[in-house]
Amino acid sequence: MSRLFRTKSCNSASSSTSISRLLEIVNEEQFEYNSSSKEQLDFRDWNIPKVPSQKIYKKHWLPSSFNSTTHVKTVAQVYSLSKEHETCQLLNLESILKHKKDGNNFLHIGLVQVAVKPLTRLGLKASILLCLRDARFTEFSDSTLGVIESSLCNGPVHFDCYPDFTVSLSDPHILRTLTLNIKTEGYNVLPGTQPLALVYRIYYKVT
């Protein structure tokens, strides 16, 4: 199982097509209309359902002697898939350094929400496997936090994971704490094509 995923390493390749001669347009008509959500499903504005932070962290989560701050971070990123296996680290070094500079020592991860939106037409026989891991562990089974496998035929998929553990902000491997492994099937596309949008949201406290 530990060999199931490989680290992301891709170089985007771009290609351009020049058209030397345009065909004569005999007749052209253009219509514009606004369709309601009932008439047409549009996933461009779809986002992960929000969870109130009060449901994750109760009022007396920490003793009063601790000063804690709740952070909710949402990231949307379009992925260019040159391989079927990709890896993404969800924690950001810049944010970690800022929390340390502000005098914090620990980070508690309450909830991680992960979603994938297809940037292709619906109905394709494409699927995805997402595995959220604490990659500081060398054994795959010990590192697994949450897994989802789903078809992308009918649109976006998402899952919620409640890690509920604390990590030191001084841990040299802290960025590996939330590692997302992505495996896709059914996307036979040109190099550099971006068929998926990855969206994730992290609820955490720093103390």
C-alpha atoms as a PDB file:
ATOM      1  CA  MET A   1       0.000   0.000   0.000  1.00  0.00           C
ATOM      2  CA  SER A   2       2.870   2.422   0.712  1.00  0.00           C
ATOM      3  CA  ARG A   3       3.749   2.330  -2.986  1.00  0.00           C
ATOM      4  CA  LEU A   4       0.239   3.191  -4.087  1.00  0.00           C
ATOM      5  CA  PHE A   5       1.034   6.874  -4.442  1.00  0.00           C
ATOM      6  CA  ARG A   6       3.997   8.707  -5.885  1.00  0.00           C
ATOM      7  CA  THR A   7       5.139  12.260  -5.225  1.00  0.00           C
ATOM      8  CA  LYS A   8       3.957  14.902  -7.634  1.00  0.00           C
ATOM      9  CA  SER A   9       6.449  15.846 -10.297  1.00  0.00           C
ATOM     10  CA  CYS A  10       5.076  17.335 -13.473  1.00  0.00           C
ATOM     11  CA  ASN A  11       6.119  19.859 -16.040  1.00  0.00           C
ATOM     12  CA  SER A  12       3.249  21.582 -17.775  1.00  0.00           C
ATOM     13  CA  ALA A  13       3.547  21.380 -21.559  1.00  0.00           C
ATOM     14  CA  SER A  14       1.845  24.041 -23.619  1.00  0.00           C
ATOM     15  CA  SER A  15       0.926  23.823 -27.253  1.00  0.00           C
ATOM     16  CA  SER A  16      -0.552  26.327 -29.663  1.00  0.00           C
ATOM     17  CA  THR A  17      -2.346  25.841 -32.932  1.00  0.00           C
ATOM     18  CA  SER A  18      -2.197  28.439 -35.678  1.00  0.00           C
ATOM     19  CA  ILE A  19      -5.003  28.670 -38.202  1.00  0.00           C
ATOM     20  CA  SER A  20      -3.747  29.851 -41.554  1.00  0.00           C
ATOM     21  CA  ARG A  21      -7.127  30.392 -43.161  1.00  0.00           C
ATOM     22  CA  LEU A  22     -10.530  31.173 -41.681  1.00  0.00           C
ATOM     23  CA  LEU A  23     -13.632  29.666 -43.214  1.00  0.00           C
ATOM     24  CA  GLU A  24     -16.143  32.165 -44.522  1.00  0.00           C
ATOM     25  CA  ILE A  25     -19.026  32.726 -42.121  1.00  0.00           C
ATOM     26  CA  VAL A  26     -22.259  32.486 -44.089  1.00  0.00           C
ATOM     27  CA  ASN A  27     -24.629  33.211 -41.216  1.00  0.00           C
ATOM     28  CA  GLU A  28     -24.113  33.733 -37.508  1.00  0.00           C
ATOM     29  CA  GLU A  29     -26.640  34.202 -34.724  1.00  0.00           C
ATOM     30  CA  GLN A  30     -25.939  34.731 -31.044  1.00  0.00           C
ATOM     31  CA  PHE A  31     -28.375  34.329 -28.189  1.00  0.00           C
ATOM     32  CA  GLU A  32     -27.923  35.058 -24.496  1.00  0.00           C
ATOM     33  CA  TYR A  33     -30.199  33.840 -21.746  1.00  0.00           C
ATOM     34  CA  ASN A  34     -30.128  33.212 -18.016  1.00  0.00           C
ATOM     35  CA  SER A  35     -31.166  29.753 -16.889  1.00  0.00           C
ATOM     36  CA  SER A  36     -32.342  28.937 -13.387  1.00  0.00           C
ATOM     37  CA  SER A  37     -30.598  26.363 -11.225  1.00  0.00           C
ATOM     38  CA  LYS A  38     -33.501  23.999 -11.812  1.00  0.00           C
ATOM     39  CA  GLU A  39     -33.022  24.163 -15.569  1.00  0.00           C
ATOM     40  CA  GLN A  40     -29.284  23.666 -15.658  1.00  0.00           C
ATOM     41  CA  LEU A  41     -26.741  22.489 -13.123  1.00  0.00           C
ATOM     42  CA  ASP A  42     -23.692  24.741 -13.067  1.00  0.00           C
ATOM     43  CA  PHE A  43     -20.857  23.675 -10.778  1.00  0.00           C
ATOM     44  CA  ARG A  44     -18.612  26.690 -11.391  1.00  0.00           C
ATOM     45  CA  ASP A  45     -19.774  28.382  -8.186  1.00  0.00           C
ATOM     46  CA  TRP A  46     -20.097  25.171  -6.182  1.00  0.00           C
ATOM     47  CA  ASN A  47     -18.124  25.119  -2.967  1.00  0.00           C
ATOM     48  CA  ILE A  48     -17.635  22.872   0.033  1.00  0.00           C
ATOM     49  CA  PRO A  49     -20.518  23.080   2.533  1.00  0.00           C
ATOM     50  CA  LYS A  50     -19.333  25.143   5.491  1.00  0.00           C
ATOM     51  CA  VAL A  51     -19.296  23.786   9.036  1.00  0.00           C
ATOM     52  CA  PRO A  52     -19.671  26.297  11.912  1.00  0.00           C
ATOM     53  CA  SER A  53     -16.449  26.404  13.898  1.00  0.00           C
ATOM     54  CA  GLN A  54     -18.526  26.232  17.095  1.00  0.00           C
ATOM     55  CA  LYS A  55     -19.455  22.664  16.185  1.00  0.00           C
ATOM     56  CA  ILE A  56     -15.798  21.712  15.925  1.00  0.00           C
ATOM     57  CA  TYR A  57     -14.422  23.583  18.912  1.00  0.00           C
ATOM     58  CA  LYS A  58     -16.624  23.796  21.974  1.00  0.00           C
ATOM     59  CA  LYS A  59     -16.544  26.873  24.214  1.00  0.00           C
ATOM     60  CA  HIS A  60     -14.284  25.266  26.814  1.00  0.00           C
ATOM     61  CA  TRP A  61     -12.034  23.375  24.393  1.00  0.00           C
ATOM     62  CA  LEU A  62      -8.932  24.613  26.274  1.00  0.00           C
ATOM     63  CA  PRO A  63      -8.403  25.765  29.859  1.00  0.00           C
ATOM     64  CA  SER A  64      -8.679  29.515  30.335  1.00  0.00           C
ATOM     65  CA  SER A  65      -4.921  29.710  30.931  1.00  0.00           C
ATOM     66  CA  PHE A  66      -4.375  29.047  27.204  1.00  0.00           C
ATOM     67  CA  ASN A  67      -4.909  31.709  24.590  1.00  0.00           C
ATOM     68  CA  SER A  68      -6.151  30.099  21.384  1.00  0.00           C
ATOM     69  CA  THR A  69      -7.222  31.447  18.014  1.00  0.00           C
ATOM     70  CA  THR A  70      -9.406  29.606  15.517  1.00  0.00           C
ATOM     71  CA  HIS A  71      -8.401  29.766  11.852  1.00  0.00           C
ATOM     72  CA  VAL A  72     -10.393  28.646   8.830  1.00  0.00           C
ATOM     73  CA  LYS A  73      -8.442  28.480   5.593  1.00  0.00           C
ATOM     74  CA  THR A  74     -10.018  27.763   2.203  1.00  0.00           C
ATOM     75  CA  VAL A  75      -7.885  27.082  -0.869  1.00  0.00           C
ATOM     76  CA  ALA A  76      -9.021  26.494  -4.448  1.00  0.00           C
ATOM     77  CA  GLN A  77      -6.445  25.192  -6.878  1.00  0.00           C
ATOM     78  CA  VAL A  78      -6.639  23.882 -10.432  1.00  0.00           C
ATOM     79  CA  TYR A  79      -4.494  20.847 -11.046  1.00  0.00           C
ATOM     80  CA  SER A  80      -2.764  19.924 -14.274  1.00  0.00           C
ATOM     81  CA  LEU A  81      -2.598  16.155 -14.255  1.00  0.00           C
ATOM     82  CA  SER A  82       0.344  14.805 -16.205  1.00  0.00           C
ATOM     83  CA  LYS A  83       0.255  11.578 -14.215  1.00  0.00           C
ATOM     84  CA  GLU A  84      -2.430   9.482 -12.582  1.00  0.00           C
ATOM     85  CA  HIS A  85      -0.759   9.969  -9.178  1.00  0.00           C
ATOM     86  CA  GLU A  86      -0.386  13.401  -7.593  1.00  0.00           C
ATOM     87  CA  THR A  87       0.565  14.615  -4.113  1.00  0.00           C
ATOM     88  CA  CYS A  88      -0.410  17.884  -2.430  1.00  0.00           C
ATOM     89  CA  GLN A  89       0.608  19.221   0.982  1.00  0.00           C
ATOM     90  CA  LEU A  90      -2.287  21.203   2.448  1.00  0.00           C
ATOM     91  CA  LEU A  91      -0.441  23.135   5.151  1.00  0.00           C
ATOM     92  CA  ASN A  92       1.346  26.303   4.073  1.00  0.00           C
ATOM     93  CA  LEU A  93       4.863  27.183   5.241  1.00  0.00           C
ATOM     94  CA  GLU A  94       4.151  30.921   5.212  1.00  0.00           C
ATOM     95  CA  SER A  95       1.201  30.479   7.581  1.00  0.00           C
ATOM     96  CA  ILE A  96       3.212  28.223   9.901  1.00  0.00           C
ATOM     97  CA  LEU A  97       6.026  30.766  10.154  1.00  0.00           C
ATOM     98  CA  LYS A  98       3.539  33.570  10.860  1.00  0.00           C
ATOM     99  CA  HIS A  99       1.926  31.599  13.691  1.00  0.00           C
ATOM    100  CA  LYS A 100       5.360  30.968  15.216  1.00  0.00           C
ATOM    101  CA  LYS A 101       6.269  34.643  14.867  1.00  0.00           C
ATOM    102  CA  ASP A 102       3.064  35.532  16.726  1.00  0.00           C
ATOM    103  CA  GLY A 103       4.278  33.487  19.686  1.00  0.00           C
ATOM    104  CA  ASN A 104       2.291  30.287  19.133  1.00  0.00           C
ATOM    105  CA  ASN A 105       3.763  26.845  19.764  1.00  0.00           C
ATOM    106  CA  PHE A 106       1.092  24.329  18.795  1.00  0.00           C
ATOM    107  CA  LEU A 107      -1.471  23.759  16.053  1.00  0.00           C
ATOM    108  CA  HIS A 108      -4.560  21.617  16.592  1.00  0.00           C
ATOM    109  CA  ILE A 109      -6.257  20.304  13.440  1.00  0.00           C
ATOM    110  CA  GLY A 110     -10.006  20.014  13.955  1.00  0.00           C
ATOM    111  CA  LEU A 111     -11.484  19.486  10.490  1.00  0.00           C
ATOM    112  CA  VAL A 112     -10.223  19.082   6.931  1.00  0.00           C
ATOM    113  CA  GLN A 113     -12.682  19.313   4.031  1.00  0.00           C
ATOM    114  CA  VAL A 114     -11.555  18.221   0.574  1.00  0.00           C
ATOM    115  CA  ALA A 115     -13.479  18.506  -2.694  1.00  0.00           C
ATOM    116  CA  VAL A 116     -12.802  17.910  -6.383  1.00  0.00           C
ATOM    117  CA  LYS A 117     -14.722  19.617  -9.183  1.00  0.00           C
ATOM    118  CA  PRO A 118     -14.433  18.240 -12.730  1.00  0.00           C
ATOM    119  CA  LEU A 119     -13.629  20.836 -15.382  1.00  0.00           C
ATOM    120  CA  THR A 120     -15.023  18.670 -18.145  1.00  0.00           C
ATOM    121  CA  ARG A 121     -18.476  17.682 -19.336  1.00  0.00           C
ATOM    122  CA  LEU A 122     -20.487  15.357 -17.150  1.00  0.00           C
ATOM    123  CA  GLY A 123     -20.984  11.704 -18.034  1.00  0.00           C
ATOM    124  CA  LEU A 124     -17.330  10.748 -18.502  1.00  0.00           C
ATOM    125  CA  LYS A 125     -16.233   7.411 -17.078  1.00  0.00           C
ATOM    126  CA  ALA A 126     -13.678   9.068 -14.822  1.00  0.00           C
ATOM    127  CA  SER A 127     -13.033   8.342 -11.161  1.00  0.00           C
ATOM    128  CA  ILE A 128     -10.832   9.595  -8.361  1.00  0.00           C
ATOM    129  CA  LEU A 129      -9.257   8.250  -5.187  1.00  0.00           C
ATOM    130  CA  LEU A 130      -8.326  10.766  -2.479  1.00  0.00           C
ATOM    131  CA  CYS A 131      -6.301   9.768   0.561  1.00  0.00           C
ATOM    132  CA  LEU A 132      -5.556  12.257   3.341  1.00  0.00           C
ATOM    133  CA  ARG A 133      -2.493  11.206   5.329  1.00  0.00           C
ATOM    134  CA  ASP A 134      -0.141  12.259   8.091  1.00  0.00           C
ATOM    135  CA  ALA A 135       2.932  11.488   6.007  1.00  0.00           C
ATOM    136  CA  ARG A 136       5.263  11.841   8.971  1.00  0.00           C
ATOM    137  CA  PHE A 137       4.467   8.178   9.579  1.00  0.00           C
ATOM    138  CA  THR A 138       6.443   5.725   7.459  1.00  0.00           C
ATOM    139  CA  GLU A 139       3.769   3.000   7.604  1.00  0.00           C
ATOM    140  CA  PHE A 140       0.891   3.697   5.217  1.00  0.00           C
ATOM    141  CA  SER A 141      -1.778   2.255   7.525  1.00  0.00           C
ATOM    142  CA  ASP A 142      -0.569   4.418  10.428  1.00  0.00           C
ATOM    143  CA  SER A 143      -0.535   7.556   8.287  1.00  0.00           C
ATOM    144  CA  THR A 144      -4.066   7.283   6.872  1.00  0.00           C
ATOM    145  CA  LEU A 145      -6.537   9.898   8.131  1.00  0.00           C
ATOM    146  CA  GLY A 146      -9.331   9.551   5.583  1.00  0.00           C
ATOM    147  CA  VAL A 147     -10.039   8.009   2.178  1.00  0.00           C
ATOM    148  CA  ILE A 148     -12.709   8.491  -0.470  1.00  0.00           C
ATOM    149  CA  GLU A 149     -13.107   6.822  -3.860  1.00  0.00           C
ATOM    150  CA  SER A 150     -15.794   8.063  -6.202  1.00  0.00           C
ATOM    151  CA  SER A 151     -16.921   8.477  -9.781  1.00  0.00           C
ATOM    152  CA  LEU A 152     -16.776  11.999 -11.208  1.00  0.00           C
ATOM    153  CA  CYS A 153     -19.488  11.226 -13.733  1.00  0.00           C
ATOM    154  CA  ASN A 154     -22.127  13.377 -12.041  1.00  0.00           C
ATOM    155  CA  GLY A 155     -20.082  16.318 -10.792  1.00  0.00           C
ATOM    156  CA  PRO A 156     -18.157  17.375  -7.657  1.00  0.00           C
ATOM    157  CA  VAL A 157     -17.359  15.059  -4.759  1.00  0.00           C
ATOM    158  CA  HIS A 158     -16.198  15.991  -1.262  1.00  0.00           C
ATOM    159  CA  PHE A 159     -15.475  14.501   2.138  1.00  0.00           C
ATOM    160  CA  ASP A 160     -14.933  15.709   5.701  1.00  0.00           C
ATOM    161  CA  CYS A 161     -12.162  14.401   7.941  1.00  0.00           C
ATOM    162  CA  TYR A 162     -11.795  15.186  11.667  1.00  0.00           C
ATOM    163  CA  PRO A 163      -8.122  14.486  12.537  1.00  0.00           C
ATOM    164  CA  ASP A 164      -8.449  15.947  16.075  1.00  0.00           C
ATOM    165  CA  PHE A 165      -4.763  16.003  16.987  1.00  0.00           C
ATOM    166  CA  THR A 166      -2.120  18.580  17.859  1.00  0.00           C
ATOM    167  CA  VAL A 167       1.221  19.142  16.164  1.00  0.00           C
ATOM    168  CA  SER A 168       4.155  21.278  17.276  1.00  0.00           C
ATOM    169  CA  LEU A 169       4.803  24.324  15.118  1.00  0.00           C
ATOM    170  CA  SER A 170       8.507  23.512  15.508  1.00  0.00           C
ATOM    171  CA  ASP A 171       8.121  20.029  14.021  1.00  0.00           C
ATOM    172  CA  PRO A 172      10.540  19.946  11.037  1.00  0.00           C
ATOM    173  CA  HIS A 173       8.075  17.736   9.142  1.00  0.00           C
ATOM    174  CA  ILE A 174       4.937  19.718   9.937  1.00  0.00           C
ATOM    175  CA  LEU A 175       4.112  20.297   6.252  1.00  0.00           C
ATOM    176  CA  ARG A 176       3.773  16.533   5.826  1.00  0.00           C
ATOM    177  CA  THR A 177       1.084  16.443   8.515  1.00  0.00           C
ATOM    178  CA  LEU A 178      -1.711  16.957   5.985  1.00  0.00           C
ATOM    179  CA  THR A 179      -0.659  15.250   2.769  1.00  0.00           C
ATOM    180  CA  LEU A 180      -3.260  14.550   0.102  1.00  0.00           C
ATOM    181  CA  ASN A 181      -2.601  11.736  -2.364  1.00  0.00           C
ATOM    182  CA  ILE A 182      -4.655  11.895  -5.559  1.00  0.00           C
ATOM    183  CA  LYS A 183      -5.172   9.043  -8.008  1.00  0.00           C
ATOM    184  CA  THR A 184      -7.329   9.495 -11.105  1.00  0.00           C
ATOM    185  CA  GLU A 185      -8.565   7.122 -13.783  1.00  0.00           C
ATOM    186  CA  GLY A 186     -10.325   7.746 -17.066  1.00  0.00           C
ATOM    187  CA  TYR A 187      -8.793  11.100 -17.997  1.00  0.00           C
ATOM    188  CA  ASN A 188      -7.076  10.478 -21.307  1.00  0.00           C
ATOM    189  CA  VAL A 189      -6.139  14.075 -22.051  1.00  0.00           C
ATOM    190  CA  LEU A 190      -3.344  16.053 -23.669  1.00  0.00           C
ATOM    191  CA  PRO A 191      -0.320  17.015 -21.529  1.00  0.00           C
ATOM    192  CA  GLY A 192      -1.007  20.179 -19.561  1.00  0.00           C
ATOM    193  CA  THR A 193      -4.782  19.767 -19.607  1.00  0.00           C
ATOM    194  CA  GLN A 194      -6.462  20.824 -16.352  1.00  0.00           C
ATOM    195  CA  PRO A 195      -9.501  18.555 -15.920  1.00  0.00           C
ATOM    196  CA  LEU A 196      -9.932  18.980 -12.157  1.00  0.00           C
ATOM    197  CA  ALA A 197     -10.187  21.751  -9.577  1.00  0.00           C
ATOM    198  CA  LEU A 198      -9.123  20.852  -6.053  1.00  0.00           C
ATOM    199  CA  VAL A 199     -10.726  22.776  -3.175  1.00  0.00           C
ATOM    200  CA  TYR A 200      -9.909  22.259   0.482  1.00  0.00           C
ATOM    201  CA  ARG A 201     -10.716  23.940   3.767  1.00  0.00           C
ATOM    202  CA  ILE A 202      -8.852  23.514   7.066  1.00  0.00           C
ATOM    203  CA  TYR A 203     -10.230  24.368  10.511  1.00  0.00           C
ATOM    204  CA  TYR A 204      -7.494  24.647  13.122  1.00  0.00           C
ATOM    205  CA  LYS A 205      -6.497  26.363  16.358  1.00  0.00           C
ATOM    206  CA  VAL A 206      -3.098  27.726  17.324  1.00  0.00           C
ATOM    207  CA  THR A 207      -1.907  28.156  20.913  1.00  0.00           C
END
